[in-house]
Amino acid sequence: MSDTESTNPHPPVTANRLRVEVAPAGGVLVIAPHGEIDFQSVAPLEHALTAQDPAAHLVVDMRGVTFMDSSGINVLLAAYQTLTKKGGRLSLAAPTSSVLHTLRIVGVDTLLDCHPSLDSALNS
């Protein structure tokens, strides 16, 4: 996904050290954060997740996330709860090794579908 795609109805949102792009991909909405997710920068990710149809299948493409603290985990868990209550789904794609380590420490990887690639998440 690129900032320059003129067909993207969802322009990227940036705050502090985090940029978030949202784009459809084969009936699934892909939310792609880039940068660090922490207390000061989590708002664009939270907005992107909560602005979507709660019955949708959302994939968070984590390839561009270089750091994530408990603020990011809390936002992902809140989105997961909202989506599953309304029949939606939340999947994570391609988390970096440091982010995956954080997810595993708190057990989020057992709750959310974590896929090794974006293609895998889109085809699940």
N, C-alpha and C. Protein backbone atom coordinates (compact mmCIF):
# COMPACT_ATOMS: atom_id res chain seq x y z
N MET A 1 0.85 -1.17 0.00
CA MET A 1 0.00 0.00 0.00
C MET A 1 0.89 1.23 0.00
N SER A 2 0.44 2.25 -0.65
CA SER A 2 1.27 3.43 -0.82
C SER A 2 0.45 4.68 -0.51
N ASP A 3 1.16 5.69 0.01
CA ASP A 3 0.50 6.97 0.28
C ASP A 3 0.00 7.62 -1.00
N THR A 4 0.58 7.25 -2.13
CA THR A 4 0.28 7.94 -3.37
C THR A 4 -0.85 7.30 -4.16
N GLU A 5 -1.42 6.22 -3.68
CA GLU A 5 -2.51 5.58 -4.40
C GLU A 5 -3.73 6.49 -4.41
N SER A 6 -4.11 6.94 -5.61
CA SER A 6 -5.22 7.87 -5.72
C SER A 6 -6.57 7.20 -5.53
N THR A 7 -6.62 5.87 -5.62
CA THR A 7 -7.88 5.16 -5.47
C THR A 7 -8.19 4.82 -4.02
N ASN A 8 -7.29 5.11 -3.12
CA ASN A 8 -7.49 4.78 -1.71
C ASN A 8 -8.41 5.81 -1.06
N PRO A 9 -9.63 5.38 -0.65
CA PRO A 9 -10.56 6.32 -0.03
C PRO A 9 -10.19 6.64 1.41
N HIS A 10 -9.18 5.96 1.94
CA HIS A 10 -8.77 6.16 3.33
C HIS A 10 -7.36 6.74 3.35
N PRO A 11 -7.21 8.05 3.45
CA PRO A 11 -5.86 8.62 3.48
C PRO A 11 -5.14 8.21 4.75
N PRO A 12 -3.81 8.10 4.72
CA PRO A 12 -3.06 7.72 5.90
C PRO A 12 -3.22 8.76 7.01
N VAL A 13 -3.20 8.29 8.24
CA VAL A 13 -3.27 9.15 9.40
C VAL A 13 -1.94 9.04 10.12
N THR A 14 -1.38 10.17 10.52
CA THR A 14 -0.08 10.18 11.18
C THR A 14 -0.17 10.93 12.50
N ALA A 15 0.49 10.39 13.51
CA ALA A 15 0.63 11.07 14.79
C ALA A 15 1.95 10.64 15.40
N ASN A 16 2.73 11.63 15.80
CA ASN A 16 4.01 11.34 16.42
C ASN A 16 4.83 10.39 15.57
N ARG A 17 5.05 9.19 16.07
CA ARG A 17 5.91 8.22 15.39
C ARG A 17 5.14 7.10 14.72
N LEU A 18 3.85 7.31 14.45
CA LEU A 18 3.04 6.25 13.86
C LEU A 18 2.22 6.79 12.70
N ARG A 19 2.28 6.06 11.58
CA ARG A 19 1.46 6.35 10.41
C ARG A 19 0.60 5.12 10.17
N VAL A 20 -0.68 5.32 9.88
CA VAL A 20 -1.59 4.20 9.66
C VAL A 20 -2.28 4.36 8.32
N GLU A 21 -2.18 3.32 7.49
CA GLU A 21 -2.86 3.29 6.21
C GLU A 21 -3.99 2.27 6.29
N VAL A 22 -5.09 2.56 5.62
CA VAL A 22 -6.24 1.66 5.57
C VAL A 22 -6.61 1.47 4.11
N ALA A 23 -6.74 0.21 3.68
CA ALA A 23 -7.08 -0.06 2.29
C ALA A 23 -7.81 -1.40 2.19
N PRO A 24 -8.79 -1.49 1.30
CA PRO A 24 -9.46 -2.78 1.08
C PRO A 24 -8.56 -3.72 0.29
N ALA A 25 -8.72 -5.01 0.57
CA ALA A 25 -7.97 -6.04 -0.17
C ALA A 25 -8.82 -7.29 -0.24
N GLY A 26 -9.51 -7.49 -1.34
CA GLY A 26 -10.30 -8.70 -1.54
C GLY A 26 -11.39 -8.93 -0.51
N GLY A 27 -12.16 -7.93 -0.19
CA GLY A 27 -13.26 -8.06 0.76
C GLY A 27 -12.85 -7.93 2.22
N VAL A 28 -11.58 -7.73 2.45
CA VAL A 28 -11.04 -7.55 3.80
C VAL A 28 -10.45 -6.16 3.88
N LEU A 29 -10.55 -5.54 5.02
CA LEU A 29 -9.94 -4.23 5.20
C LEU A 29 -8.60 -4.41 5.90
N VAL A 30 -7.55 -3.90 5.27
CA VAL A 30 -6.20 -4.01 5.82
C VAL A 30 -5.83 -2.68 6.46
N ILE A 31 -5.44 -2.76 7.72
CA ILE A 31 -4.97 -1.60 8.48
C ILE A 31 -3.48 -1.81 8.68
N ALA A 32 -2.69 -0.89 8.16
CA ALA A 32 -1.23 -1.06 8.17
C ALA A 32 -0.56 0.07 8.95
N PRO A 33 -0.25 -0.18 10.22
CA PRO A 33 0.51 0.81 10.99
C PRO A 33 2.00 0.73 10.64
N HIS A 34 2.66 1.89 10.66
CA HIS A 34 4.09 1.97 10.38
C HIS A 34 4.73 2.83 11.46
N GLY A 35 5.67 2.26 12.20
CA GLY A 35 6.38 3.01 13.22
C GLY A 35 6.19 2.39 14.59
N GLU A 36 6.23 3.22 15.62
CA GLU A 36 6.13 2.79 17.00
C GLU A 36 4.71 2.98 17.54
N ILE A 37 4.21 1.95 18.22
CA ILE A 37 2.88 2.05 18.84
C ILE A 37 3.09 2.10 20.35
N ASP A 38 2.83 3.27 20.91
CA ASP A 38 2.93 3.44 22.36
C ASP A 38 1.85 4.43 22.80
N PHE A 39 1.87 4.78 24.07
CA PHE A 39 0.84 5.64 24.64
C PHE A 39 0.68 6.95 23.87
N GLN A 40 1.79 7.53 23.43
CA GLN A 40 1.73 8.82 22.74
C GLN A 40 1.33 8.72 21.28
N SER A 41 1.47 7.54 20.68
CA SER A 41 1.22 7.44 19.24
C SER A 41 0.07 6.52 18.86
N VAL A 42 -0.60 5.89 19.81
CA VAL A 42 -1.58 4.85 19.50
C VAL A 42 -2.88 5.37 18.89
N ALA A 43 -3.19 6.65 19.03
CA ALA A 43 -4.48 7.19 18.59
C ALA A 43 -4.83 6.90 17.13
N PRO A 44 -3.93 7.04 16.16
CA PRO A 44 -4.32 6.74 14.78
C PRO A 44 -4.71 5.28 14.57
N LEU A 45 -4.04 4.37 15.25
CA LEU A 45 -4.41 2.95 15.14
C LEU A 45 -5.77 2.72 15.77
N GLU A 46 -5.99 3.29 16.93
CA GLU A 46 -7.28 3.14 17.59
C GLU A 46 -8.41 3.70 16.72
N HIS A 47 -8.18 4.86 16.13
CA HIS A 47 -9.19 5.47 15.25
C HIS A 47 -9.45 4.57 14.04
N ALA A 48 -8.39 4.06 13.43
CA ALA A 48 -8.56 3.22 12.25
C ALA A 48 -9.36 1.96 12.57
N LEU A 49 -9.12 1.37 13.74
CA LEU A 49 -9.83 0.16 14.13
C LEU A 49 -11.29 0.43 14.50
N THR A 50 -11.55 1.51 15.19
CA THR A 50 -12.91 1.79 15.66
C THR A 50 -13.78 2.44 14.59
N ALA A 51 -13.19 2.96 13.54
CA ALA A 51 -13.95 3.63 12.48
C ALA A 51 -14.56 2.64 11.49
N GLN A 52 -14.27 1.35 11.65
CA GLN A 52 -14.71 0.36 10.67
C GLN A 52 -16.00 -0.32 11.12
N ASP A 53 -16.66 -0.95 10.17
CA ASP A 53 -17.86 -1.74 10.44
C ASP A 53 -17.49 -2.86 11.41
N PRO A 54 -18.17 -2.96 12.56
CA PRO A 54 -17.81 -3.99 13.54
C PRO A 54 -18.11 -5.42 13.08
N ALA A 55 -18.78 -5.58 11.96
CA ALA A 55 -19.03 -6.92 11.43
C ALA A 55 -18.02 -7.29 10.35
N ALA A 56 -17.02 -6.45 10.16
CA ALA A 56 -16.04 -6.66 9.09
C ALA A 56 -14.94 -7.61 9.52
N HIS A 57 -14.18 -8.07 8.53
CA HIS A 57 -12.94 -8.80 8.80
C HIS A 57 -11.82 -7.81 8.59
N LEU A 58 -11.10 -7.51 9.66
CA LEU A 58 -9.98 -6.58 9.61
C LEU A 58 -8.68 -7.36 9.77
N VAL A 59 -7.70 -6.99 8.98
CA VAL A 59 -6.35 -7.53 9.12
C VAL A 59 -5.43 -6.37 9.44
N VAL A 60 -4.71 -6.49 10.53
CA VAL A 60 -3.72 -5.49 10.89
C VAL A 60 -2.36 -6.01 10.40
N ASP A 61 -1.83 -5.35 9.39
CA ASP A 61 -0.55 -5.72 8.80
C ASP A 61 0.55 -5.11 9.66
N MET A 62 1.20 -5.92 10.45
CA MET A 62 2.15 -5.46 11.47
C MET A 62 3.59 -5.36 10.96
N ARG A 63 3.83 -5.57 9.67
CA ARG A 63 5.20 -5.56 9.13
C ARG A 63 5.96 -4.28 9.44
N GLY A 64 5.25 -3.16 9.46
CA GLY A 64 5.92 -1.88 9.64
C GLY A 64 6.01 -1.41 11.07
N VAL A 65 5.61 -2.23 12.01
CA VAL A 65 5.64 -1.83 13.42
C VAL A 65 6.99 -2.20 14.02
N THR A 66 7.71 -1.19 14.47
CA THR A 66 9.05 -1.41 15.02
C THR A 66 9.04 -1.59 16.54
N PHE A 67 7.98 -1.15 17.20
CA PHE A 67 7.86 -1.26 18.65
C PHE A 67 6.38 -1.19 19.02
N MET A 68 5.98 -1.97 20.03
CA MET A 68 4.61 -1.88 20.52
C MET A 68 4.62 -2.15 22.02
N ASP A 69 3.97 -1.26 22.78
CA ASP A 69 3.85 -1.48 24.22
C ASP A 69 2.41 -1.88 24.55
N SER A 70 2.08 -1.86 25.82
CA SER A 70 0.75 -2.29 26.27
C SER A 70 -0.37 -1.44 25.70
N SER A 71 -0.10 -0.22 25.31
CA SER A 71 -1.13 0.63 24.70
C SER A 71 -1.62 0.01 23.39
N GLY A 72 -0.70 -0.48 22.60
CA GLY A 72 -1.07 -1.14 21.35
C GLY A 72 -1.82 -2.44 21.59
N ILE A 73 -1.37 -3.19 22.57
CA ILE A 73 -2.04 -4.44 22.92
C ILE A 73 -3.47 -4.16 23.37
N ASN A 74 -3.65 -3.15 24.21
CA ASN A 74 -4.99 -2.81 24.70
C ASN A 74 -5.92 -2.41 23.56
N VAL A 75 -5.42 -1.65 22.60
CA VAL A 75 -6.24 -1.23 21.45
C VAL A 75 -6.62 -2.44 20.60
N LEU A 76 -5.68 -3.34 20.38
CA LEU A 76 -5.97 -4.54 19.60
C LEU A 76 -7.00 -5.42 20.31
N LEU A 77 -6.85 -5.57 21.63
CA LEU A 77 -7.81 -6.40 22.38
C LEU A 77 -9.20 -5.76 22.40
N ALA A 78 -9.28 -4.46 22.54
CA ALA A 78 -10.59 -3.78 22.52
C ALA A 78 -11.25 -3.96 21.16
N ALA A 79 -10.48 -3.82 20.09
CA ALA A 79 -11.03 -4.02 18.74
C ALA A 79 -11.47 -5.46 18.55
N TYR A 80 -10.69 -6.40 19.04
CA TYR A 80 -11.04 -7.81 18.95
C TYR A 80 -12.38 -8.08 19.65
N GLN A 81 -12.54 -7.54 20.84
CA GLN A 81 -13.79 -7.75 21.59
C GLN A 81 -14.98 -7.14 20.86
N THR A 82 -14.83 -5.93 20.36
CA THR A 82 -15.91 -5.27 19.64
C THR A 82 -16.29 -6.04 18.38
N LEU A 83 -15.29 -6.44 17.62
CA LEU A 83 -15.54 -7.14 16.37
C LEU A 83 -16.19 -8.50 16.61
N THR A 84 -15.68 -9.28 17.56
CA THR A 84 -16.23 -10.62 17.76
C THR A 84 -17.65 -10.56 18.30
N LYS A 85 -17.99 -9.55 19.08
CA LYS A 85 -19.36 -9.41 19.58
C LYS A 85 -20.34 -9.14 18.45
N LYS A 86 -19.88 -8.50 17.39
CA LYS A 86 -20.74 -8.12 16.27
C LYS A 86 -20.58 -9.03 15.06
N GLY A 87 -19.84 -10.12 15.21
CA GLY A 87 -19.67 -11.06 14.11
C GLY A 87 -18.49 -10.77 13.22
N GLY A 88 -17.66 -9.83 13.58
CA GLY A 88 -16.48 -9.51 12.79
C GLY A 88 -15.28 -10.33 13.22
N ARG A 89 -14.16 -10.08 12.56
CA ARG A 89 -12.92 -10.79 12.87
C ARG A 89 -11.75 -9.82 12.84
N LEU A 90 -10.77 -10.13 13.65
CA LEU A 90 -9.52 -9.36 13.66
C LEU A 90 -8.37 -10.34 13.56
N SER A 91 -7.52 -10.13 12.58
CA SER A 91 -6.33 -10.97 12.39
C SER A 91 -5.11 -10.06 12.34
N LEU A 92 -3.99 -10.60 12.78
CA LEU A 92 -2.72 -9.88 12.68
C LEU A 92 -1.87 -10.57 11.63
N ALA A 93 -1.16 -9.78 10.85
CA ALA A 93 -0.31 -10.32 9.79
C ALA A 93 1.12 -9.85 9.96
N ALA A 94 2.03 -10.78 9.84
CA ALA A 94 3.47 -10.52 9.74
C ALA A 94 4.04 -9.62 10.83
N PRO A 95 3.75 -9.92 12.10
CA PRO A 95 4.38 -9.10 13.15
C PRO A 95 5.89 -9.31 13.14
N THR A 96 6.62 -8.24 13.38
CA THR A 96 8.07 -8.33 13.47
C THR A 96 8.42 -9.19 14.68
N SER A 97 9.64 -9.67 14.75
CA SER A 97 10.03 -10.57 15.84
C SER A 97 9.87 -9.91 17.20
N SER A 98 10.20 -8.63 17.32
CA SER A 98 10.07 -7.96 18.63
C SER A 98 8.60 -7.79 19.02
N VAL A 99 7.76 -7.48 18.06
CA VAL A 99 6.33 -7.33 18.34
C VAL A 99 5.71 -8.69 18.66
N LEU A 100 6.08 -9.71 17.91
CA LEU A 100 5.57 -11.05 18.18
C LEU A 100 6.00 -11.52 19.58
N HIS A 101 7.21 -11.20 19.96
CA HIS A 101 7.69 -11.54 21.30
C HIS A 101 6.79 -10.89 22.36
N THR A 102 6.46 -9.63 22.18
CA THR A 102 5.57 -8.91 23.11
C THR A 102 4.20 -9.57 23.14
N LEU A 103 3.66 -9.90 21.99
CA LEU A 103 2.35 -10.55 21.92
C LEU A 103 2.36 -11.90 22.64
N ARG A 104 3.45 -12.62 22.49
CA ARG A 104 3.55 -13.94 23.13
C ARG A 104 3.70 -13.82 24.65
N ILE A 105 4.43 -12.84 25.11
CA ILE A 105 4.64 -12.66 26.55
C ILE A 105 3.30 -12.50 27.28
N VAL A 106 2.39 -11.73 26.68
CA VAL A 106 1.10 -11.48 27.33
C VAL A 106 0.00 -12.43 26.87
N GLY A 107 0.32 -13.33 25.94
CA GLY A 107 -0.64 -14.33 25.51
C GLY A 107 -1.63 -13.88 24.45
N VAL A 108 -1.41 -12.72 23.86
CA VAL A 108 -2.33 -12.22 22.84
C VAL A 108 -2.30 -13.11 21.60
N ASP A 109 -1.17 -13.73 21.33
CA ASP A 109 -1.06 -14.60 20.15
C ASP A 109 -1.97 -15.82 20.24
N THR A 110 -2.43 -16.17 21.44
CA THR A 110 -3.36 -17.29 21.58
C THR A 110 -4.81 -16.86 21.40
N LEU A 111 -5.06 -15.57 21.50
CA LEU A 111 -6.41 -15.04 21.35
C LEU A 111 -6.68 -14.56 19.93
N LEU A 112 -5.75 -13.80 19.39
CA LEU A 112 -5.88 -13.27 18.03
C LEU A 112 -5.20 -14.20 17.04
N ASP A 113 -5.77 -14.30 15.85
CA ASP A 113 -5.12 -15.05 14.78
C ASP A 113 -3.89 -14.28 14.33
N CYS A 114 -2.72 -14.87 14.51
CA CYS A 114 -1.46 -14.25 14.07
C CYS A 114 -0.93 -15.06 12.89
N HIS A 115 -0.77 -14.39 11.77
CA HIS A 115 -0.33 -15.06 10.55
C HIS A 115 1.07 -14.59 10.18
N PRO A 116 1.86 -15.46 9.57
CA PRO A 116 3.24 -15.09 9.23
C PRO A 116 3.35 -14.09 8.07
N SER A 117 2.28 -13.97 7.29
CA SER A 117 2.32 -13.04 6.15
C SER A 117 0.94 -12.41 5.94
N LEU A 118 0.93 -11.33 5.18
CA LEU A 118 -0.33 -10.68 4.83
C LEU A 118 -1.18 -11.61 3.97
N ASP A 119 -0.58 -12.29 3.02
CA ASP A 119 -1.33 -13.23 2.17
C ASP A 119 -2.01 -14.30 2.99
N SER A 120 -1.31 -14.83 3.97
CA SER A 120 -1.88 -15.86 4.84
C SER A 120 -3.07 -15.33 5.60
N ALA A 121 -2.96 -14.13 6.11
CA ALA A 121 -4.08 -13.52 6.86
C ALA A 121 -5.26 -13.24 5.94
N LEU A 122 -5.00 -12.77 4.75
CA LEU A 122 -6.08 -12.46 3.81
C LEU A 122 -6.81 -13.71 3.35
N ASN A 123 -6.13 -14.82 3.30
CA ASN A 123 -6.73 -16.07 2.83
C ASN A 123 -7.29 -16.94 3.94
N SER A 124 -7.29 -16.43 5.16
CA SER A 124 -7.79 -17.24 6.28
C SER A 124 -9.29 -17.13 6.43
